[in-house]
Amino acid sequence: MNRFFSIFLVTFIILFVNCSSEAVDPLPLEETPIATSIYFPPLNSDTWETTSASDLNWNESELQPLLDYLEEKNTKSFIILHKGKIVVESYLNGHTETSPWYWASAGKTLTTAVSGIAQDENLINLNNKVSDYIGTGWTSATLEKENLITCKNLLSMTSGLDDTSGDGIAPSDLQYVADAGTRWAYHGVFLKMQDVIASASNQTWDDYFNAKLKTKIGMTGAWIQTGNLNVYWSTTRSMARFGLLISANGTWEDTQIVSESFLNEATTTSQTINEAYGYLWWLNGKSTYHLPQTQFEFSGELIPNAPQDMYCGLGKNDQKIYVVPSRDLVIIRMGESAEDSNFALSNFDNELWGKLNLLIN
């Protein structure tokens, strides 16, 4: 009897210990949720929280060489954000925090964002032809060929219209070269998307842009007509606000301003000709790319020194918006051309990322 009782007691203790252990074991580490917060600067305020390179375990000794290089390369302003907070903010060559500067073609990405907003509001459909919104006769192509051009063709630079006659967008400037979707060519005709949105919203482009994007994220600045182009001018911090919005998947604090699904589409390859181009965003990490003013296909990544998942707004004379999701980074550069005049990409991009890699590790 005692022997059976002893066996029962030992078995009971083992079962109790095992059950207790299962009840209190924590979840494996990989299943424990990890919160990653993004900081958003308040609207209508100069307040913007900062963090330091040393706090992020960056190589702080490489910061001054980077700033010296930027100054030497005609930079006027430079900002690095990490999770929304300012890590580096520098104004050079007579520029200040309140000085406006032009975005050039980096501002094309503003048109992309507002196009996404208009589609989210069911005002437009990117798959519809442009003439559905602004009427026919907006090009010099035949009606049949003009009606092949969709809003998506404007955002992906595949309108098939001539890109060798300058940036004019009057009908006489927009000559047929190839069917829409069969040729990639960097062209000012994307500005017709602003006309599409103005028509669909029954507002001016400026009014719709201001109400739906600019004021919602606290940007300053204005669109200024420069020749045939409508160019955005603002402070560097306003450009950084926009970059932050995009890096946060279209949200600002708790408000979804541009849908995440649209931004995912806008920052992936938009056509089969230029792998490194989305909807007016340039994409790194692809195996080939095309550049403005040429039909030649280049092998390799757009910016080899930069992270593969980076996408960017690139403007004439080295205006830059770099967004790096894997590192929670937004990087802004404004200024004169670092070396020779250029339309978008330049040698400066890869050289700059060589310097940045030394800082960011």
Protein backbone atom coordinates (compact mmCIF):
# COMPACT_ATOMS: atom_id res chain seq x y z
CA MET A 1 0.00 0.00 0.00
CA ASN A 2 2.76 2.39 0.87
CA ARG A 3 4.57 1.53 -2.38
CA PHE A 4 1.50 2.41 -4.48
CA PHE A 5 0.95 5.61 -2.56
CA SER A 6 4.57 6.64 -3.13
CA ILE A 7 4.26 6.03 -6.89
CA PHE A 8 1.02 8.04 -6.99
CA LEU A 9 2.58 10.92 -5.05
CA VAL A 10 5.63 11.12 -7.31
CA THR A 11 3.46 11.02 -10.45
CA PHE A 12 1.21 13.77 -9.09
CA ILE A 13 4.17 16.03 -8.29
CA ILE A 14 5.65 15.57 -11.79
CA LEU A 15 2.32 16.36 -13.48
CA PHE A 16 1.78 19.41 -11.25
CA VAL A 17 5.23 20.82 -11.96
CA ASN A 18 4.83 20.30 -15.71
CA CYS A 19 1.41 21.93 -15.79
CA SER A 20 2.60 24.87 -13.73
CA SER A 21 5.61 25.32 -15.98
CA GLU A 22 3.41 25.37 -19.10
CA ALA A 23 1.08 27.90 -17.52
CA VAL A 24 3.73 30.49 -16.67
CA ASP A 25 6.24 30.14 -19.53
CA PRO A 26 6.45 33.44 -21.45
CA LEU A 27 5.94 33.59 -25.20
CA PRO A 28 9.06 32.93 -27.23
CA LEU A 29 10.95 36.15 -27.87
CA GLU A 30 10.13 36.25 -31.59
CA GLU A 31 6.39 36.21 -30.77
CA THR A 32 6.56 39.12 -28.36
CA PRO A 33 5.14 42.22 -30.07
CA ILE A 34 7.61 45.06 -30.50
CA ALA A 35 6.29 48.60 -30.83
CA THR A 36 8.11 50.87 -33.27
CA SER A 37 6.99 54.48 -32.87
CA ILE A 38 7.39 57.26 -35.41
CA TYR A 39 7.61 60.86 -34.26
CA PHE A 40 5.61 63.52 -36.13
CA PRO A 41 6.43 67.21 -35.60
CA PRO A 42 3.40 69.28 -34.58
CA LEU A 43 1.53 71.28 -37.20
CA ASN A 44 2.13 75.03 -37.46
CA SER A 45 5.14 74.88 -35.16
CA ASP A 46 8.92 75.10 -35.43
CA THR A 47 9.21 72.38 -32.77
CA TRP A 48 10.88 69.20 -34.01
CA GLU A 49 12.36 66.62 -31.67
CA THR A 50 15.92 65.49 -32.22
CA THR A 51 18.09 62.48 -31.49
CA SER A 52 21.85 62.25 -31.78
CA ALA A 53 24.14 60.15 -33.92
CA SER A 54 25.71 58.79 -30.73
CA ASP A 55 22.28 57.76 -29.37
CA LEU A 56 21.86 55.66 -32.52
CA ASN A 57 25.38 54.20 -32.20
CA TRP A 58 26.40 55.81 -35.46
CA ASN A 59 30.04 56.65 -36.16
CA GLU A 60 29.88 60.24 -34.95
CA SER A 61 33.47 60.98 -36.06
CA GLU A 62 32.26 60.76 -39.68
CA LEU A 63 29.66 63.52 -39.29
CA GLN A 64 31.94 66.53 -39.80
CA PRO A 65 33.67 65.01 -42.87
CA LEU A 66 30.19 64.46 -44.33
CA LEU A 67 29.17 68.07 -43.69
CA ASP A 68 32.46 69.34 -45.15
CA TYR A 69 31.83 67.26 -48.27
CA LEU A 70 28.28 68.61 -48.58
CA GLU A 71 29.47 72.19 -48.30
CA GLU A 72 32.14 71.58 -50.92
CA LYS A 73 29.46 70.14 -53.23
CA ASN A 74 27.34 73.32 -53.25
CA THR A 75 24.76 72.02 -50.77
CA LYS A 76 22.44 74.56 -49.20
CA SER A 77 20.63 72.32 -46.71
CA PHE A 78 20.74 68.76 -45.48
CA ILE A 79 18.52 66.80 -43.07
CA ILE A 80 18.56 63.22 -41.82
CA LEU A 81 15.48 61.91 -40.01
CA HIS A 82 15.41 58.64 -38.08
CA LYS A 83 11.89 57.49 -37.16
CA GLY A 84 10.83 61.09 -37.71
CA LYS A 85 13.33 62.73 -35.36
CA ILE A 86 16.08 64.99 -36.66
CA VAL A 87 19.54 63.47 -36.37
CA VAL A 88 21.36 65.90 -38.65
CA GLU A 89 20.21 69.35 -39.79
CA SER A 90 22.69 71.65 -41.48
CA TYR A 91 22.41 74.87 -43.51
CA LEU A 92 25.34 75.78 -45.72
CA ASN A 93 26.53 78.31 -48.27
CA GLY A 94 24.34 81.16 -47.02
CA HIS A 95 21.10 79.15 -46.74
CA THR A 96 18.94 79.20 -43.57
CA GLU A 97 16.15 77.20 -42.00
CA THR A 98 13.58 79.70 -43.34
CA SER A 99 15.02 80.06 -46.86
CA PRO A 100 12.86 78.59 -49.63
CA TRP A 101 14.41 76.51 -52.42
CA TYR A 102 13.05 74.68 -55.43
CA TRP A 103 12.29 70.96 -55.42
CA ALA A 104 12.66 70.62 -59.20
CA SER A 105 11.70 67.09 -60.30
CA ALA A 106 11.87 65.76 -56.74
CA GLY A 107 8.52 67.59 -56.51
CA LYS A 108 7.02 65.20 -59.07
CA THR A 109 6.41 62.96 -56.08
CA LEU A 110 3.98 65.54 -54.69
CA THR A 111 1.85 65.04 -57.81
CA THR A 112 2.04 61.29 -57.23
CA ALA A 113 0.80 61.61 -53.64
CA VAL A 114 -2.09 63.91 -54.59
CA SER A 115 -3.03 61.57 -57.46
CA GLY A 116 -3.30 58.80 -54.89
CA ILE A 117 -5.48 60.97 -52.66
CA ALA A 118 -7.78 61.81 -55.58
CA GLN A 119 -8.09 58.13 -56.47
CA ASP A 120 -8.74 57.22 -52.82
CA GLU A 121 -11.59 59.75 -52.90
CA ASN A 122 -12.96 58.15 -56.09
CA LEU A 123 -12.47 61.36 -58.06
CA ILE A 124 -10.20 59.66 -60.59
CA ASN A 125 -9.13 56.21 -61.69
CA LEU A 126 -5.54 55.88 -62.86
CA ASN A 127 -6.57 53.28 -65.41
CA ASN A 128 -8.88 55.75 -67.17
CA LYS A 129 -7.68 57.71 -70.18
CA VAL A 130 -6.55 61.28 -69.60
CA SER A 131 -9.09 62.66 -72.08
CA ASP A 132 -11.91 61.40 -69.82
CA TYR A 133 -11.01 64.26 -67.48
CA ILE A 134 -9.57 67.07 -69.62
CA GLY A 135 -11.20 66.40 -72.97
CA THR A 136 -9.66 65.44 -76.29
CA GLY A 137 -7.14 67.42 -78.32
CA TRP A 138 -4.67 67.89 -75.46
CA THR A 139 -1.94 66.33 -77.66
CA SER A 140 -1.09 66.47 -81.37
CA ALA A 141 -1.61 62.72 -81.68
CA THR A 142 -4.58 61.27 -83.51
CA LEU A 143 -7.67 60.72 -81.40
CA GLU A 144 -7.07 56.97 -81.53
CA LYS A 145 -3.53 57.30 -80.20
CA GLU A 146 -4.36 60.02 -77.68
CA ASN A 147 -7.07 57.84 -76.18
CA LEU A 148 -4.48 55.16 -75.43
CA ILE A 149 -2.85 57.45 -72.83
CA THR A 150 -4.06 56.77 -69.29
CA CYS A 151 -3.37 58.62 -66.06
CA LYS A 152 -1.09 55.73 -65.10
CA ASN A 153 0.95 56.35 -68.28
CA LEU A 154 1.54 59.94 -67.12
CA LEU A 155 2.75 58.81 -63.69
CA SER A 156 4.99 56.07 -65.10
CA MET A 157 6.46 58.20 -67.95
CA THR A 158 5.06 55.91 -70.63
CA SER A 159 2.79 58.32 -72.54
CA GLY A 160 4.57 57.58 -75.81
CA LEU A 161 4.85 61.32 -76.51
CA ASP A 162 8.01 63.03 -77.78
CA ASP A 163 10.49 63.94 -75.04
CA THR A 164 13.00 65.72 -77.28
CA SER A 165 11.16 69.01 -77.77
CA GLY A 166 11.63 70.42 -74.25
CA ASP A 167 9.15 70.58 -71.41
CA GLY A 168 6.32 72.30 -73.24
CA ILE A 169 2.93 70.72 -72.64
CA ALA A 170 0.81 72.62 -75.15
CA PRO A 171 -0.79 70.32 -77.75
CA SER A 172 1.78 71.38 -80.35
CA ASP A 173 4.57 70.18 -78.01
CA LEU A 174 3.02 66.78 -77.38
CA GLN A 175 3.81 64.79 -80.52
CA TYR A 176 3.16 61.07 -80.95
CA VAL A 177 6.24 58.83 -81.04
CA ALA A 178 4.96 55.43 -79.89
CA ASP A 179 1.84 53.87 -78.45
CA ALA A 180 1.33 54.56 -74.76
CA GLY A 181 2.93 51.92 -72.59
CA THR A 182 5.56 50.87 -75.13
CA ARG A 183 8.23 53.55 -74.53
CA TRP A 184 9.64 55.09 -71.32
CA ALA A 185 10.67 58.74 -71.67
CA TYR A 186 11.18 61.36 -68.95
CA HIS A 187 8.91 64.24 -69.84
CA GLY A 188 7.08 67.23 -68.37
CA VAL A 189 3.77 65.85 -69.65
CA PHE A 190 3.21 64.35 -66.17
CA LEU A 191 1.95 67.86 -65.25
CA LYS A 192 -1.25 67.00 -67.08
CA MET A 193 -2.10 64.98 -63.98
CA GLN A 194 -2.49 68.26 -62.15
CA ASP A 195 -5.05 69.32 -64.77
CA VAL A 196 -6.80 65.95 -64.40
CA ILE A 197 -7.12 66.41 -60.63
CA ALA A 198 -8.25 70.03 -60.93
CA SER A 199 -10.97 69.03 -63.39
CA ALA A 200 -12.11 65.99 -61.41
CA SER A 201 -12.22 67.88 -58.09
CA ASN A 202 -13.75 71.06 -59.57
CA GLN A 203 -11.02 73.04 -57.78
CA THR A 204 -7.75 74.60 -58.79
CA TRP A 205 -4.73 72.32 -58.45
CA ASP A 206 -3.29 74.61 -55.76
CA ASP A 207 -6.49 74.58 -53.70
CA TYR A 208 -6.83 70.79 -53.82
CA PHE A 209 -3.14 70.27 -53.05
CA ASN A 210 -3.25 72.69 -50.11
CA ALA A 211 -6.40 71.20 -48.59
CA LYS A 212 -5.58 67.52 -49.05
CA LEU A 213 -1.84 67.43 -48.44
CA LYS A 214 0.01 70.63 -47.57
CA THR A 215 -1.97 71.83 -44.55
CA LYS A 216 -2.56 68.30 -43.22
CA ILE A 217 1.16 67.75 -42.61
CA GLY A 218 2.17 71.32 -41.80
CA MET A 219 4.13 72.07 -44.97
CA THR A 220 4.88 75.58 -46.15
CA GLY A 221 5.72 76.68 -49.68
CA ALA A 222 4.01 77.27 -53.01
CA TRP A 223 3.84 76.18 -56.63
CA ILE A 224 5.58 78.70 -58.90
CA GLN A 225 5.29 78.67 -62.66
CA THR A 226 8.81 78.52 -64.14
CA GLY A 227 8.72 78.52 -67.92
CA ASN A 228 6.54 75.59 -68.91
CA LEU A 229 6.91 73.89 -65.53
CA ASN A 230 5.00 74.20 -62.28
CA VAL A 231 7.74 73.94 -59.63
CA TYR A 232 7.31 73.63 -55.87
CA TRP A 233 9.40 75.87 -53.57
CA SER A 234 9.60 75.44 -49.80
CA THR A 235 11.88 75.21 -46.79
CA THR A 236 13.94 72.08 -46.29
CA ARG A 237 11.87 71.07 -43.28
CA SER A 238 8.75 71.08 -45.45
CA MET A 239 10.41 68.67 -47.84
CA ALA A 240 11.34 66.56 -44.81
CA ARG A 241 7.72 66.57 -43.63
CA PHE A 242 6.64 65.16 -46.97
CA GLY A 243 9.36 62.51 -46.89
CA LEU A 244 8.24 61.54 -43.39
CA LEU A 245 4.62 61.16 -44.53
CA ILE A 246 5.68 58.80 -47.31
CA SER A 247 8.02 56.80 -45.05
CA ALA A 248 5.13 56.38 -42.58
CA ASN A 249 3.05 54.67 -45.28
CA GLY A 250 0.92 57.73 -45.94
CA THR A 251 -0.08 58.41 -42.33
CA TRP A 252 0.41 61.52 -40.25
CA GLU A 253 -0.04 60.66 -36.59
CA ASP A 254 -3.41 58.85 -36.60
CA THR A 255 -4.66 60.12 -39.97
CA GLN A 256 -4.30 58.16 -43.20
CA ILE A 257 -3.68 60.84 -45.81
CA VAL A 258 -2.57 58.67 -48.75
CA SER A 259 -3.53 55.00 -48.77
CA GLU A 260 -0.74 52.55 -48.03
CA SER A 261 -1.84 50.32 -50.91
CA PHE A 262 -1.42 53.18 -53.38
CA LEU A 263 2.02 54.09 -52.03
CA ASN A 264 3.13 50.47 -52.28
CA GLU A 265 2.08 50.54 -55.91
CA ALA A 266 3.74 53.92 -56.50
CA THR A 267 7.09 52.75 -55.12
CA THR A 268 7.37 49.52 -57.09
CA THR A 269 8.25 49.09 -60.76
CA SER A 270 5.36 50.59 -62.73
CA GLN A 271 6.07 49.23 -66.23
CA THR A 272 8.28 46.71 -68.04
CA ILE A 273 10.76 49.13 -69.63
CA ASN A 274 12.48 50.98 -66.76
CA GLU A 275 12.72 48.70 -63.72
CA ALA A 276 13.95 51.57 -61.56
CA TYR A 277 10.85 53.75 -61.95
CA GLY A 278 7.54 53.68 -60.10
CA TYR A 279 4.99 56.51 -60.21
CA LEU A 280 7.45 59.44 -60.48
CA TRP A 281 9.57 57.78 -57.76
CA TRP A 282 13.02 56.36 -58.58
CA LEU A 283 13.70 52.86 -57.21
CA ASN A 284 17.01 51.46 -56.09
CA GLY A 285 17.96 47.78 -55.99
CA LYS A 286 16.88 46.89 -59.53
CA SER A 287 19.06 45.10 -62.07
CA THR A 288 18.70 47.74 -64.83
CA TYR A 289 17.59 51.37 -65.21
CA HIS A 290 16.97 54.10 -67.77
CA LEU A 291 17.86 57.78 -67.43
CA PRO A 292 16.28 60.98 -68.80
CA GLN A 293 16.99 61.98 -72.39
CA THR A 294 18.10 58.53 -73.50
CA GLN A 295 16.55 55.22 -74.55
CA PHE A 296 19.64 53.30 -73.42
CA GLU A 297 19.27 50.63 -70.74
CA PHE A 298 22.01 50.67 -68.08
CA SER A 299 22.94 47.52 -66.16
CA GLY A 300 23.19 47.49 -62.39
CA GLU A 301 21.56 49.36 -59.52
CA LEU A 302 20.61 53.01 -59.71
CA ILE A 303 22.76 53.95 -56.66
CA PRO A 304 25.01 50.98 -55.77
CA ASN A 305 26.19 52.43 -52.43
CA ALA A 306 22.62 53.00 -51.19
CA PRO A 307 20.35 50.43 -49.52
CA GLN A 308 18.54 48.24 -52.02
CA ASP A 309 15.09 49.07 -50.67
CA MET A 310 15.58 52.83 -51.00
CA TYR A 311 13.29 54.87 -53.22
CA CYS A 312 13.82 58.51 -53.98
CA GLY A 313 12.62 61.76 -55.48
CA LEU A 314 15.42 63.13 -57.67
CA GLY A 315 15.37 66.69 -58.99
CA LYS A 316 17.45 68.81 -61.32
CA ASN A 317 20.77 69.96 -59.88
CA ASP A 318 20.73 67.41 -57.07
CA GLN A 319 17.55 68.06 -55.14
CA LYS A 320 17.07 64.78 -53.22
CA ILE A 321 14.45 62.95 -51.15
CA TYR A 322 15.77 59.55 -50.05
CA VAL A 323 13.43 57.17 -48.20
CA VAL A 324 14.95 53.99 -46.71
CA PRO A 325 12.29 51.79 -45.06
CA SER A 326 14.75 49.18 -43.72
CA ARG A 327 16.63 51.84 -41.74
CA ASP A 328 13.73 54.16 -40.84
CA LEU A 329 15.52 57.00 -42.63
CA VAL A 330 14.44 60.05 -44.60
CA ILE A 331 17.28 62.13 -46.04
CA ILE A 332 16.88 65.52 -47.73
CA ARG A 333 19.41 67.50 -49.76
CA MET A 334 18.78 70.89 -51.42
CA GLY A 335 21.23 73.12 -53.22
CA GLU A 336 23.03 73.93 -56.43
CA SER A 337 24.33 71.15 -58.64
CA ALA A 338 27.10 69.22 -56.87
CA GLU A 339 29.11 69.14 -60.09
CA ASP A 340 27.61 69.33 -63.57
CA SER A 341 23.99 70.24 -64.27
CA ASN A 342 21.77 67.16 -64.35
CA PHE A 343 18.12 66.18 -64.70
CA ALA A 344 17.85 63.63 -61.87
CA LEU A 345 20.52 61.03 -61.04
CA SER A 346 24.18 62.13 -60.85
CA ASN A 347 27.51 60.77 -59.62
CA PHE A 348 26.86 62.76 -56.46
CA ASP A 349 24.19 60.26 -55.33
CA ASN A 350 26.62 57.35 -55.12
CA GLU A 351 29.44 59.46 -53.64
CA LEU A 352 27.10 60.85 -51.00
CA TRP A 353 25.93 57.38 -50.01
CA GLY A 354 29.53 56.30 -49.66
CA LYS A 355 29.93 59.05 -47.05
CA LEU A 356 26.60 58.26 -45.41
CA ASN A 357 27.53 54.60 -45.00
CA LEU A 358 30.60 55.63 -42.99
CA LEU A 359 28.37 57.62 -40.64
CA ILE A 360 25.39 55.26 -40.35
CA ASN A 361 27.43 52.03 -40.20
